[in-house]
N, C-alpha and C. Protein backbone atom coordinates (compact mmCIF):
# COMPACT_ATOMS: atom_id res chain seq x y z
N UNK A 1 18.19 -5.18 -22.30
CA UNK A 1 16.99 -5.56 -21.70
C UNK A 1 15.97 -4.72 -22.39
N UNK A 2 14.86 -4.85 -22.90
CA UNK A 2 13.81 -4.06 -23.43
C UNK A 2 13.11 -3.10 -22.60
N UNK A 3 12.86 -1.93 -23.05
CA UNK A 3 12.55 -0.75 -22.36
C UNK A 3 11.22 -0.80 -22.18
N UNK A 4 10.18 -1.76 -22.88
CA UNK A 4 8.87 -1.88 -22.44
C UNK A 4 8.41 -3.07 -22.18
N UNK A 5 7.46 -2.90 -21.71
CA UNK A 5 6.75 -4.22 -20.72
C UNK A 5 5.44 -4.69 -21.32
N UNK A 6 5.53 -5.66 -21.70
CA UNK A 6 4.45 -6.37 -22.46
C UNK A 6 4.05 -7.76 -20.95
N UNK A 7 2.26 -7.48 -21.09
CA UNK A 7 2.13 -8.59 -20.01
C UNK A 7 2.22 -10.13 -20.26
N UNK A 8 2.50 -10.24 -21.41
CA UNK A 8 2.76 -11.71 -22.16
C UNK A 8 4.56 -11.56 -21.60
N UNK A 9 5.15 -10.77 -21.54
CA UNK A 9 6.48 -10.96 -20.57
C UNK A 9 6.76 -11.85 -19.55
N UNK A 10 7.77 -13.14 -19.94
CA UNK A 10 7.87 -14.01 -18.68
C UNK A 10 7.94 -13.07 -17.32
N UNK A 11 8.83 -12.05 -17.48
CA UNK A 11 9.35 -11.57 -16.46
C UNK A 11 8.19 -10.77 -15.44
N UNK A 12 6.98 -10.67 -16.79
CA UNK A 12 5.62 -10.07 -15.66
C UNK A 12 5.24 -11.33 -14.96
N UNK A 13 5.08 -12.37 -15.56
CA UNK A 13 4.49 -13.42 -14.97
C UNK A 13 5.07 -13.63 -14.13
N UNK A 14 6.24 -13.66 -13.68
CA UNK A 14 7.03 -14.01 -12.32
C UNK A 14 6.92 -13.43 -11.31
N UNK A 15 6.91 -11.83 -11.77
CA UNK A 15 6.49 -10.73 -10.96
C UNK A 15 5.28 -11.06 -10.41
N UNK A 16 4.00 -11.52 -11.15
CA UNK A 16 3.07 -11.71 -10.37
C UNK A 16 2.43 -12.88 -9.96
N UNK A 17 3.36 -13.92 -9.81
CA UNK A 17 3.32 -15.13 -9.88
C UNK A 17 3.15 -15.22 -8.01
N UNK A 18 3.99 -14.24 -7.20
CA UNK A 18 3.88 -14.14 -6.04
C UNK A 18 3.00 -12.90 -5.39
N UNK A 19 1.88 -13.19 -4.34
CA UNK A 19 1.26 -12.44 -3.72
C UNK A 19 2.08 -11.11 -2.90
N UNK A 20 3.24 -11.31 -2.62
CA UNK A 20 4.05 -10.26 -1.98
C UNK A 20 4.34 -9.33 -3.23
N UNK A 21 4.86 -10.16 -4.32
CA UNK A 21 5.41 -9.50 -5.37
C UNK A 21 4.09 -8.28 -5.94
N UNK A 22 3.37 -8.99 -5.86
CA UNK A 22 2.16 -8.11 -6.27
C UNK A 22 1.74 -6.81 -5.18
N UNK A 23 1.77 -7.31 -3.92
CA UNK A 23 1.38 -6.31 -3.33
C UNK A 23 2.57 -4.91 -3.50
N UNK A 24 3.79 -5.54 -3.46
CA UNK A 24 4.91 -4.33 -3.62
C UNK A 24 4.58 -3.67 -4.81
N UNK A 25 4.34 -4.11 -5.90
CA UNK A 25 4.20 -3.44 -7.62
C UNK A 25 2.75 -2.61 -7.02
N UNK A 26 1.84 -2.88 -6.23
CA UNK A 26 0.91 -1.84 -5.87
C UNK A 26 1.12 -1.06 -5.08
N UNK A 27 2.08 -0.85 -4.10
CA UNK A 27 2.47 -0.29 -2.89
C UNK A 27 3.07 0.83 -3.81
N UNK A 28 3.99 0.55 -5.05
CA UNK A 28 4.89 1.53 -5.89
C UNK A 28 4.14 2.05 -6.74
N UNK A 29 2.88 1.60 -7.19
CA UNK A 29 1.69 2.42 -8.09
C UNK A 29 1.54 3.84 -7.52
N UNK A 30 1.65 3.79 -5.94
CA UNK A 30 1.59 5.29 -5.36
C UNK A 30 2.53 6.30 -5.33
N UNK A 31 3.98 5.53 -5.63
CA UNK A 31 4.84 6.18 -5.28
C UNK A 31 6.02 5.47 -4.73
N UNK A 32 7.04 6.31 -4.09
CA UNK A 32 8.22 5.43 -3.73
C UNK A 32 8.22 4.55 -2.49
N UNK A 33 8.34 3.39 -2.19
CA UNK A 33 8.20 2.59 -0.73
C UNK A 33 9.68 1.82 -0.80
N UNK A 34 9.85 1.49 0.72
CA UNK A 34 10.94 0.42 0.91
C UNK A 34 10.34 -0.69 1.31
N UNK A 35 11.49 -1.79 1.40
CA UNK A 35 10.88 -3.09 2.18
C UNK A 35 10.30 -2.74 3.23
N UNK A 36 10.79 -2.12 4.18
CA UNK A 36 10.52 -1.81 5.67
C UNK A 36 8.91 -1.47 5.75
N UNK A 37 8.84 -0.12 4.79
CA UNK A 37 7.40 0.76 4.78
C UNK A 37 6.48 -0.53 4.31
N UNK A 38 6.78 -1.62 3.17
CA UNK A 38 5.71 -2.72 2.87
C UNK A 38 5.53 -3.65 3.69
N UNK A 39 6.74 -4.32 4.68
CA UNK A 39 6.66 -4.95 5.59
C UNK A 39 5.76 -4.50 6.54
N UNK A 40 5.98 -3.45 6.92
CA UNK A 40 5.03 -2.80 8.29
C UNK A 40 3.70 -2.40 7.48
N UNK A 41 3.13 -1.97 6.82
CA UNK A 41 1.77 -2.17 5.97
C UNK A 41 1.28 -3.12 5.53
N UNK A 42 1.95 -4.12 5.23
CA UNK A 42 1.20 -5.55 5.09
C UNK A 42 1.55 -6.60 5.86
N UNK A 43 2.34 -6.38 6.95
CA UNK A 43 2.34 -7.36 8.01
C UNK A 43 3.20 -8.35 7.77
N UNK A 44 3.92 -8.34 6.65
CA UNK A 44 4.71 -9.64 5.89
C UNK A 44 6.15 -9.66 6.76
N UNK A 45 6.90 -10.51 6.93
CA UNK A 45 8.04 -10.47 7.85
C UNK A 45 9.07 -9.54 6.65
N UNK A 46 10.01 -8.44 7.26
CA UNK A 46 10.78 -7.84 6.65
C UNK A 46 11.61 -8.66 5.44
N UNK A 47 12.44 -9.93 6.09
CA UNK A 47 12.98 -10.62 5.12
C UNK A 47 12.51 -11.04 3.70
N UNK A 48 11.08 -11.45 3.87
CA UNK A 48 10.78 -12.29 2.58
C UNK A 48 10.39 -10.74 2.15
N UNK A 49 9.75 -9.57 2.39
CA UNK A 49 9.70 -8.54 1.74
C UNK A 49 11.01 -7.90 0.80
N UNK A 50 12.12 -8.13 1.51
CA UNK A 50 13.12 -7.33 1.04
C UNK A 50 13.53 -8.34 -0.38
N UNK A 51 13.54 -9.78 0.28
CA UNK A 51 13.87 -10.69 -0.80
C UNK A 51 12.84 -10.28 -2.18
N UNK A 52 12.05 -10.31 -2.34
CA UNK A 52 10.96 -9.82 -3.39
C UNK A 52 11.00 -8.68 -4.05
N UNK A 53 11.36 -7.82 -3.02
CA UNK A 53 11.92 -6.35 -3.88
C UNK A 53 13.32 -6.62 -4.46
N UNK A 54 14.12 -7.33 -4.06
CA UNK A 54 15.27 -8.10 -4.59
C UNK A 54 15.15 -8.52 -6.09
N UNK A 55 13.69 -9.48 -6.01
CA UNK A 55 13.61 -10.43 -7.28
C UNK A 55 13.04 -9.18 -8.24
N UNK A 56 12.04 -8.04 -7.91
CA UNK A 56 11.45 -7.19 -8.83
C UNK A 56 12.29 -6.78 -9.61
N UNK A 57 13.49 -6.14 -8.61
CA UNK A 57 15.03 -5.53 -9.13
C UNK A 57 15.58 -6.27 -10.16
N UNK A 58 15.56 -7.31 -9.97
CA UNK A 58 16.44 -7.82 -10.79
C UNK A 58 15.57 -8.53 -11.97
N UNK A 59 14.54 -8.46 -11.96
CA UNK A 59 13.42 -8.83 -12.91
C UNK A 59 13.43 -7.37 -14.10
N UNK A 60 13.87 -6.17 -13.59
CA UNK A 60 13.92 -4.96 -14.11
C UNK A 60 12.76 -4.31 -14.26
N UNK A 61 12.11 -4.47 -13.10
CA UNK A 61 10.79 -4.09 -13.01
C UNK A 61 10.49 -2.69 -11.74
N UNK A 62 11.53 -2.64 -11.03
CA UNK A 62 11.70 -1.50 -9.73
C UNK A 62 13.12 -0.97 -10.03
N UNK A 63 13.31 0.29 -9.69
CA UNK A 63 14.52 0.69 -9.58
C UNK A 63 15.10 1.13 -8.09
N UNK A 64 16.10 1.43 -7.45
CA UNK A 64 16.39 2.21 -6.27
C UNK A 64 16.47 3.64 -6.78
N UNK A 65 15.33 4.51 -5.85
CA UNK A 65 15.57 6.01 -6.25
C UNK A 65 16.33 6.84 -5.17
N UNK A 66 16.40 6.53 -3.76
CA UNK A 66 16.96 7.36 -2.72
C UNK A 66 16.89 6.34 -1.75
N UNK A 67 18.10 6.67 -0.85
CA UNK A 67 17.97 5.89 0.40
C UNK A 67 18.22 7.02 1.40
N UNK A 68 18.14 6.60 2.56
CA UNK A 68 17.32 7.39 3.62
C UNK A 68 18.23 6.73 4.92
N UNK A 69 19.07 7.69 5.76
CA UNK A 69 20.34 6.80 6.96
C UNK A 69 19.30 6.50 7.75
N UNK A 70 19.14 5.75 8.28
CA UNK A 70 18.46 5.11 9.68
C UNK A 70 19.35 4.15 10.48
N UNK A 71 19.64 5.13 11.51
CA UNK A 71 20.57 4.27 12.93
C UNK A 71 21.74 3.51 12.19
N UNK A 72 22.39 4.00 11.60
CA UNK A 72 23.53 3.63 10.91
C UNK A 72 23.45 2.75 9.88
N UNK A 73 22.23 2.27 9.23
CA UNK A 73 22.28 1.80 7.86
C UNK A 73 21.51 2.77 7.07
N UNK A 74 21.30 2.08 5.92
CA UNK A 74 20.33 2.84 4.80
C UNK A 74 19.31 2.19 4.44
N UNK A 75 18.27 3.17 4.49
CA UNK A 75 16.97 2.54 3.82
C UNK A 75 16.71 2.76 2.66
N UNK A 76 16.60 1.77 1.70
CA UNK A 76 16.54 1.76 0.44
C UNK A 76 14.84 2.07 -0.32
N UNK A 77 14.68 2.88 -1.18
CA UNK A 77 13.57 3.71 -1.39
C UNK A 77 13.49 3.02 -2.84
N UNK A 78 12.32 2.46 -3.42
CA UNK A 78 12.24 1.58 -4.96
C UNK A 78 11.25 2.52 -5.27
N UNK A 79 11.18 2.61 -6.83
CA UNK A 79 10.08 2.83 -7.49
C UNK A 79 9.95 2.31 -8.98
N UNK A 80 8.77 2.16 -9.40
CA UNK A 80 8.60 1.25 -10.57
C UNK A 80 9.46 2.14 -11.71
N UNK A 81 9.85 1.28 -12.44
CA UNK A 81 10.38 1.30 -13.81
C UNK A 81 9.30 2.05 -14.85
N UNK A 82 9.30 2.87 -15.06
CA UNK A 82 8.20 4.19 -15.63
C UNK A 82 7.29 3.09 -16.62
N UNK A 83 8.15 2.12 -17.29
CA UNK A 83 7.40 1.05 -18.01
C UNK A 83 7.04 -0.12 -17.70
N UNK A 84 7.33 -0.14 -16.34
CA UNK A 84 7.30 -1.59 -15.73
C UNK A 84 5.18 -1.78 -15.62
N UNK A 85 4.82 -2.93 -15.48
CA UNK A 85 3.40 -3.21 -15.17
C UNK A 85 2.84 -2.68 -13.83
N UNK A 86 2.02 -2.52 -13.53
CA UNK A 86 1.36 -2.35 -12.24
C UNK A 86 0.57 -3.52 -12.12
N UNK A 87 -0.10 -3.50 -10.83
CA UNK A 87 -1.05 -4.60 -10.81
C UNK A 87 -2.52 -4.69 -11.83
N UNK A 88 -2.59 -4.02 -12.38
CA UNK A 88 -3.33 -3.55 -13.50
C UNK A 88 -2.89 -3.85 -14.62
N UNK A 89 -2.12 -4.82 -14.88
CA UNK A 89 -1.78 -5.13 -16.10
C UNK A 89 -2.71 -5.75 -17.01
N UNK A 90 -2.93 -5.47 -18.18
CA UNK A 90 -3.73 -6.18 -19.17
C UNK A 90 -3.84 -7.38 -18.95
N UNK A 91 -5.06 -7.65 -17.73
CA UNK A 91 -5.74 -9.00 -17.30
C UNK A 91 -5.71 -10.46 -18.61
N UNK A 92 -5.87 -9.95 -19.71
CA UNK A 92 -6.23 -11.07 -20.55
C UNK A 92 -4.99 -11.67 -21.19
N UNK A 93 -3.81 -11.02 -20.97
CA UNK A 93 -2.70 -11.48 -21.34
C UNK A 93 -2.04 -12.17 -20.31
N UNK A 94 -2.47 -12.30 -18.94
CA UNK A 94 -1.90 -12.75 -18.15
C UNK A 94 -2.35 -14.18 -17.97
N UNK A 95 -1.16 -15.13 -17.46
CA UNK A 95 -1.83 -16.68 -17.52
C UNK A 95 -2.79 -16.73 -16.36
N UNK A 96 -3.23 -17.78 -16.52
CA UNK A 96 -4.33 -18.25 -15.16
C UNK A 96 -4.08 -18.16 -13.92
N UNK A 97 -2.83 -18.66 -13.80
CA UNK A 97 -1.88 -18.70 -12.42
C UNK A 97 -1.54 -17.22 -11.93
N UNK A 98 -1.29 -16.38 -12.78
CA UNK A 98 -1.07 -14.89 -12.67
C UNK A 98 -2.39 -14.15 -12.16
N UNK A 99 -3.51 -14.50 -12.92
CA UNK A 99 -4.69 -13.87 -12.69
C UNK A 99 -4.99 -14.50 -11.18
N UNK A 100 -5.42 -15.59 -10.84
CA UNK A 100 -5.67 -16.11 -9.46
C UNK A 100 -4.85 -15.59 -8.43
N UNK A 101 -3.44 -15.51 -8.78
CA UNK A 101 -2.66 -14.93 -7.76
C UNK A 101 -2.99 -13.69 -7.35
N UNK A 102 -3.32 -12.67 -8.31
CA UNK A 102 -3.70 -11.26 -8.45
C UNK A 102 -5.22 -11.05 -7.66
N UNK A 103 -5.99 -12.21 -8.58
CA UNK A 103 -7.30 -12.15 -7.67
C UNK A 103 -7.35 -12.54 -5.96
N UNK A 104 -6.40 -13.48 -5.54
CA UNK A 104 -6.23 -13.82 -4.36
C UNK A 104 -5.72 -12.71 -3.72
N UNK A 105 -4.80 -12.05 -3.95
CA UNK A 105 -4.22 -11.03 -3.31
C UNK A 105 -5.36 -10.03 -3.07
N UNK A 106 -5.78 -9.53 -3.74
CA UNK A 106 -6.99 -8.19 -3.98
C UNK A 106 -8.11 -8.96 -2.94
N UNK A 107 -8.56 -9.83 -3.03
CA UNK A 107 -9.48 -10.52 -2.31
C UNK A 107 -9.39 -10.39 -0.75
N UNK A 108 -8.14 -11.19 -0.57
CA UNK A 108 -7.77 -11.01 0.76
C UNK A 108 -7.73 -9.36 1.05
N UNK A 109 -7.08 -8.35 0.70
CA UNK A 109 -7.22 -7.04 1.16
C UNK A 109 -8.63 -6.64 1.29
N UNK A 110 -9.45 -7.06 0.07
CA UNK A 110 -10.92 -6.66 0.55
C UNK A 110 -11.64 -6.80 1.67
N UNK A 111 -11.32 -8.52 1.58
CA UNK A 111 -12.35 -9.15 2.84
C UNK A 111 -11.67 -8.49 4.30
N UNK A 112 -9.94 -8.30 4.51
CA UNK A 112 -9.82 -7.53 5.49
C UNK A 112 -10.03 -6.11 5.66
N UNK A 113 -10.49 -5.83 4.54
CA UNK A 113 -10.85 -4.01 5.02
C UNK A 113 -12.43 -4.18 5.28
N UNK A 114 -13.20 -4.96 4.76
CA UNK A 114 -14.60 -5.28 4.77
C UNK A 114 -14.67 -5.54 6.32
N UNK A 115 -14.20 -6.36 6.86
CA UNK A 115 -14.07 -7.10 8.02
C UNK A 115 -14.13 -5.61 9.05
N UNK A 116 -12.86 -4.87 8.89
CA UNK A 116 -12.74 -3.84 9.57
C UNK A 116 -13.71 -2.58 9.84
N UNK A 117 -14.26 -2.52 8.49
CA UNK A 117 -15.52 -1.78 8.18
C UNK A 117 -16.63 -2.05 9.08
N UNK A 118 -16.67 -3.25 8.73
CA UNK A 118 -18.25 -3.67 9.63
C UNK A 118 -17.59 -3.50 11.24
N UNK A 119 -16.37 -3.85 11.30
CA UNK A 119 -16.39 -4.07 13.14
C UNK A 119 -16.25 -2.45 13.50
N UNK A 120 -15.80 -1.31 12.63
CA UNK A 120 -15.60 -0.30 12.99
C UNK A 120 -16.88 0.85 12.63
N UNK A 121 -17.73 0.08 12.13
CA UNK A 121 -18.89 1.44 11.72
C UNK A 121 -18.73 1.95 10.16
N UNK A 122 -17.96 0.98 9.58
CA UNK A 122 -17.79 1.74 8.21
C UNK A 122 -18.82 1.79 7.28
N UNK A 123 -19.99 1.00 7.40
CA UNK A 123 -21.12 1.13 6.86
C UNK A 123 -21.99 1.78 7.56
N UNK A 124 -21.92 2.51 8.45
CA UNK A 124 -22.90 3.37 9.14
C UNK A 124 -23.14 4.10 8.28
N UNK A 125 -22.49 4.97 7.47
CA UNK A 125 -23.11 6.27 6.79
C UNK A 125 -23.88 6.23 5.66
N UNK A 126 -24.55 7.04 5.24
CA UNK A 126 -25.38 7.03 3.99
C UNK A 126 -25.05 7.00 2.97
N UNK A 127 -23.37 7.45 3.18
CA UNK A 127 -22.99 7.29 1.56
C UNK A 127 -22.18 6.27 1.80
N UNK A 128 -21.97 5.08 2.30
CA UNK A 128 -21.68 3.62 2.28
C UNK A 128 -22.56 2.79 1.31
N UNK A 129 -22.60 1.99 0.41
CA UNK A 129 -23.16 1.36 -0.49
C UNK A 129 -22.47 0.05 -0.56
N UNK A 130 -23.58 -1.25 -0.47
CA UNK A 130 -23.07 -2.63 -0.82
C UNK A 130 -23.92 -3.09 -2.02
N UNK A 131 -23.86 -3.84 -2.62
CA UNK A 131 -24.60 -4.47 -3.78
C UNK A 131 -23.74 -5.40 -4.54
N UNK A 132 -24.53 -6.60 -4.98
CA UNK A 132 -24.20 -7.31 -5.75
C UNK A 132 -25.23 -7.40 -6.97
N UNK A 133 -24.56 -7.52 -7.96
CA UNK A 133 -25.29 -7.63 -9.32
C UNK A 133 -24.99 -9.35 -10.18
N UNK A 134 -25.90 -9.94 -10.29
CA UNK A 134 -25.44 -11.25 -11.02
C UNK A 134 -26.31 -11.06 -12.31
N UNK A 135 -25.26 -10.85 -13.51
CA UNK A 135 -25.52 -10.86 -14.47
C UNK A 135 -25.49 -11.89 -15.70
N UNK A 136 -26.10 -12.22 -16.71
CA UNK A 136 -25.90 -13.16 -17.66
C UNK A 136 -25.35 -12.22 -19.09
N UNK A 137 -24.08 -12.20 -19.25
CA UNK A 137 -23.61 -11.67 -20.25
C UNK A 137 -22.84 -12.59 -21.39
N UNK A 138 -22.88 -12.02 -22.33
CA UNK A 138 -22.05 -12.78 -23.64
C UNK A 138 -20.73 -12.21 -23.70
N UNK A 139 -20.11 -12.76 -24.57
CA UNK A 139 -18.47 -12.42 -24.69
C UNK A 139 -18.87 -10.69 -24.95
N UNK A 140 -19.22 -10.00 -26.18
CA UNK A 140 -19.50 -8.89 -25.98
C UNK A 140 -19.62 -8.10 -24.69
N UNK A 141 -20.60 -8.62 -23.87
CA UNK A 141 -21.29 -8.02 -22.66
C UNK A 141 -20.20 -8.08 -21.71
N UNK A 142 -19.66 -9.05 -21.58
CA UNK A 142 -18.60 -9.23 -20.46
C UNK A 142 -17.33 -8.21 -20.95
N UNK A 143 -17.00 -8.00 -22.18
CA UNK A 143 -15.74 -7.08 -22.93
C UNK A 143 -16.51 -5.69 -22.28
N UNK A 144 -17.63 -5.45 -22.54
CA UNK A 144 -18.13 -3.88 -22.40
C UNK A 144 -18.20 -3.96 -20.97
N UNK A 145 -18.37 -4.45 -20.28
CA UNK A 145 -18.52 -4.38 -18.52
C UNK A 145 -17.19 -4.06 -18.17
N UNK A 146 -16.30 -4.58 -18.80
CA UNK A 146 -15.00 -4.53 -18.31
C UNK A 146 -14.32 -3.28 -18.34
N UNK A 147 -14.82 -3.07 -19.56
CA UNK A 147 -14.35 -1.63 -20.15
C UNK A 147 -15.08 -0.23 -19.13
N UNK A 148 -16.18 -0.65 -18.66
CA UNK A 148 -16.89 0.19 -17.69
C UNK A 148 -16.27 0.24 -16.50
N UNK A 149 -15.85 -0.78 -16.26
CA UNK A 149 -15.16 -1.13 -14.89
C UNK A 149 -13.60 -0.52 -15.00
N UNK A 150 -13.00 -0.18 -15.46
CA UNK A 150 -11.78 0.35 -16.03
C UNK A 150 -11.96 1.92 -15.97
N UNK A 151 -13.24 1.93 -16.29
CA UNK A 151 -13.81 3.69 -16.36
C UNK A 151 -14.10 4.29 -15.32
N UNK A 152 -14.77 3.38 -14.62
CA UNK A 152 -15.17 3.83 -13.10
C UNK A 152 -14.03 4.01 -12.46
N UNK A 153 -13.18 3.43 -12.23
CA UNK A 153 -11.83 3.18 -11.66
C UNK A 153 -10.95 4.45 -11.68
N UNK A 154 -10.94 4.89 -13.00
CA UNK A 154 -10.12 5.86 -13.58
C UNK A 154 -11.16 7.26 -13.13
N UNK A 155 -12.48 7.18 -13.12
CA UNK A 155 -13.19 8.17 -12.47
C UNK A 155 -13.19 8.24 -11.16
N UNK A 156 -12.97 7.43 -10.30
CA UNK A 156 -12.80 7.18 -8.76
C UNK A 156 -11.37 8.04 -8.80
N UNK A 157 -10.42 7.72 -9.27
CA UNK A 157 -9.17 8.39 -8.93
C UNK A 157 -9.48 9.75 -9.18
N UNK A 158 -9.81 10.14 -10.26
CA UNK A 158 -10.10 11.70 -10.66
C UNK A 158 -11.06 12.51 -9.50
N UNK A 159 -12.05 11.76 -8.75
CA UNK A 159 -12.89 12.07 -7.89
C UNK A 159 -11.75 12.19 -6.56
N UNK A 160 -11.01 11.32 -6.36
CA UNK A 160 -9.84 11.28 -5.11
C UNK A 160 -9.26 12.61 -5.29
N UNK A 161 -8.68 12.65 -6.37
CA UNK A 161 -7.69 14.18 -6.90
C UNK A 161 -8.67 15.30 -6.27
N UNK A 162 -9.44 15.36 -6.94
CA UNK A 162 -10.56 16.46 -6.79
C UNK A 162 -10.81 17.02 -5.40
N UNK A 163 -11.29 15.86 -4.59
CA UNK A 163 -11.30 15.76 -3.28
C UNK A 163 -9.93 16.28 -2.31
N UNK A 164 -8.36 16.01 -2.95
CA UNK A 164 -7.54 16.45 -2.31
C UNK A 164 -7.12 17.91 -2.31
N UNK A 165 -7.74 18.27 -3.46
CA UNK A 165 -7.61 19.86 -3.73
C UNK A 165 -8.89 20.27 -2.89
N UNK A 166 -9.69 20.17 -3.03
CA UNK A 166 -10.45 20.87 -2.07
C UNK A 166 -10.44 21.03 -0.49
N UNK A 167 -9.44 19.68 -0.30
CA UNK A 167 -9.39 19.59 1.39
C UNK A 167 -8.00 20.12 1.68
N UNK A 168 -7.35 20.96 0.79
CA UNK A 168 -6.45 21.25 1.03
C UNK A 168 -6.15 22.40 2.23
N UNK A 169 -7.72 23.06 2.18
CA UNK A 169 -7.82 24.52 3.54
C UNK A 169 -8.29 23.31 4.74
N UNK A 170 -8.97 22.22 4.65
CA UNK A 170 -9.70 21.61 5.58
C UNK A 170 -9.38 19.93 5.49
N UNK A 171 -7.86 19.62 5.92
CA UNK A 171 -7.80 18.29 5.53
C UNK A 171 -8.35 17.43 6.63
N UNK A 172 -8.89 17.87 7.69
CA UNK A 172 -10.05 16.87 8.30
C UNK A 172 -10.94 16.67 7.46
N UNK A 173 -11.60 16.95 6.85
CA UNK A 173 -12.78 16.72 5.82
C UNK A 173 -12.41 15.17 4.93
N UNK A 174 -11.09 14.86 4.78
CA UNK A 174 -10.90 13.91 3.95
C UNK A 174 -10.88 12.45 5.01
N UNK A 175 -11.73 11.61 4.64
CA UNK A 175 -11.62 10.52 5.19
C UNK A 175 -11.68 9.07 4.57
N UNK A 176 -10.81 8.22 4.78
CA UNK A 176 -10.53 6.87 4.34
C UNK A 176 -11.70 6.09 3.62
N UNK A 177 -12.11 6.15 2.87
CA UNK A 177 -13.11 5.35 1.73
C UNK A 177 -12.38 3.90 1.05
N UNK A 178 -12.98 2.83 0.72
CA UNK A 178 -12.76 2.13 -0.11
C UNK A 178 -13.47 1.25 -0.93
N UNK A 179 -13.29 1.52 -2.61
CA UNK A 179 -14.32 0.71 -3.12
C UNK A 179 -13.91 -0.41 -3.77
N UNK A 180 -14.56 -1.25 -3.75
CA UNK A 180 -13.99 -2.88 -4.07
C UNK A 180 -14.84 -2.78 -5.51
N UNK A 181 -14.34 -3.05 -6.65
CA UNK A 181 -14.84 -3.59 -8.08
C UNK A 181 -14.32 -4.99 -8.14
N UNK A 182 -15.36 -5.80 -8.53
CA UNK A 182 -15.04 -6.95 -9.20
C UNK A 182 -16.00 -7.31 -9.97
N UNK A 183 -15.58 -8.28 -11.20
CA UNK A 183 -15.90 -8.37 -12.47
C UNK A 183 -15.65 -10.05 -12.30
N UNK A 184 -16.09 -11.03 -12.41
CA UNK A 184 -15.82 -12.82 -12.54
C UNK A 184 -17.28 -13.14 -12.85
N UNK A 185 -16.80 -14.49 -13.30
CA UNK A 185 -17.40 -15.36 -13.56
C UNK A 185 -18.18 -16.26 -12.58
N UNK A 186 -19.54 -16.34 -12.48
CA UNK A 186 -19.71 -16.97 -11.50
C UNK A 186 -20.62 -18.49 -11.64
N UNK A 187 -20.88 -19.24 -10.68
CA UNK A 187 -21.78 -20.33 -11.05
C UNK A 187 -21.34 -21.22 -12.37
N UNK A 188 -19.90 -21.34 -12.30
CA UNK A 188 -19.71 -22.35 -13.81
C UNK A 188 -19.36 -21.73 -14.80
N UNK A 189 -19.77 -19.96 -15.05
CA UNK A 189 -19.37 -19.36 -15.92
C UNK A 189 -17.75 -19.11 -16.37
């Protein structure tokens, strides 16, 4: 089995071809997780989530890292194999089907979070923001915009880490915020 993963690898296409597997990989981006934890977080039936954990393990993308005794059974916690792709695998190398599946999963999560935020007053704060920019870009402009989106996401993760450091003494200062960043062709683009 190869020790590195390329987004053109057929195993990665298979991993990203099902929305539940994409959700599992995303959960494992943040560290270890079990099928039970992912099932609770996503609302998918435990049997389906366990099946997809097994598929990802057979594909060589995740591995068992620890077990926790739970009422006479063992809860298995998995982690990404260090060279495994994450949900942010090189988009251009993915098949159209894999890109559409990933977009479908992300957009479903975004829609759910936005609906919850609207219901719970999440846009009431002056720190909230909603904006849509409709741009006309050539091929180079689209590539440059994609690089800027990637840089923005990296910077947001750095801001999150800085916030966590500042909040060590005041954990109540931390609030859950979501940033949805989309770049896509519209109106037949």
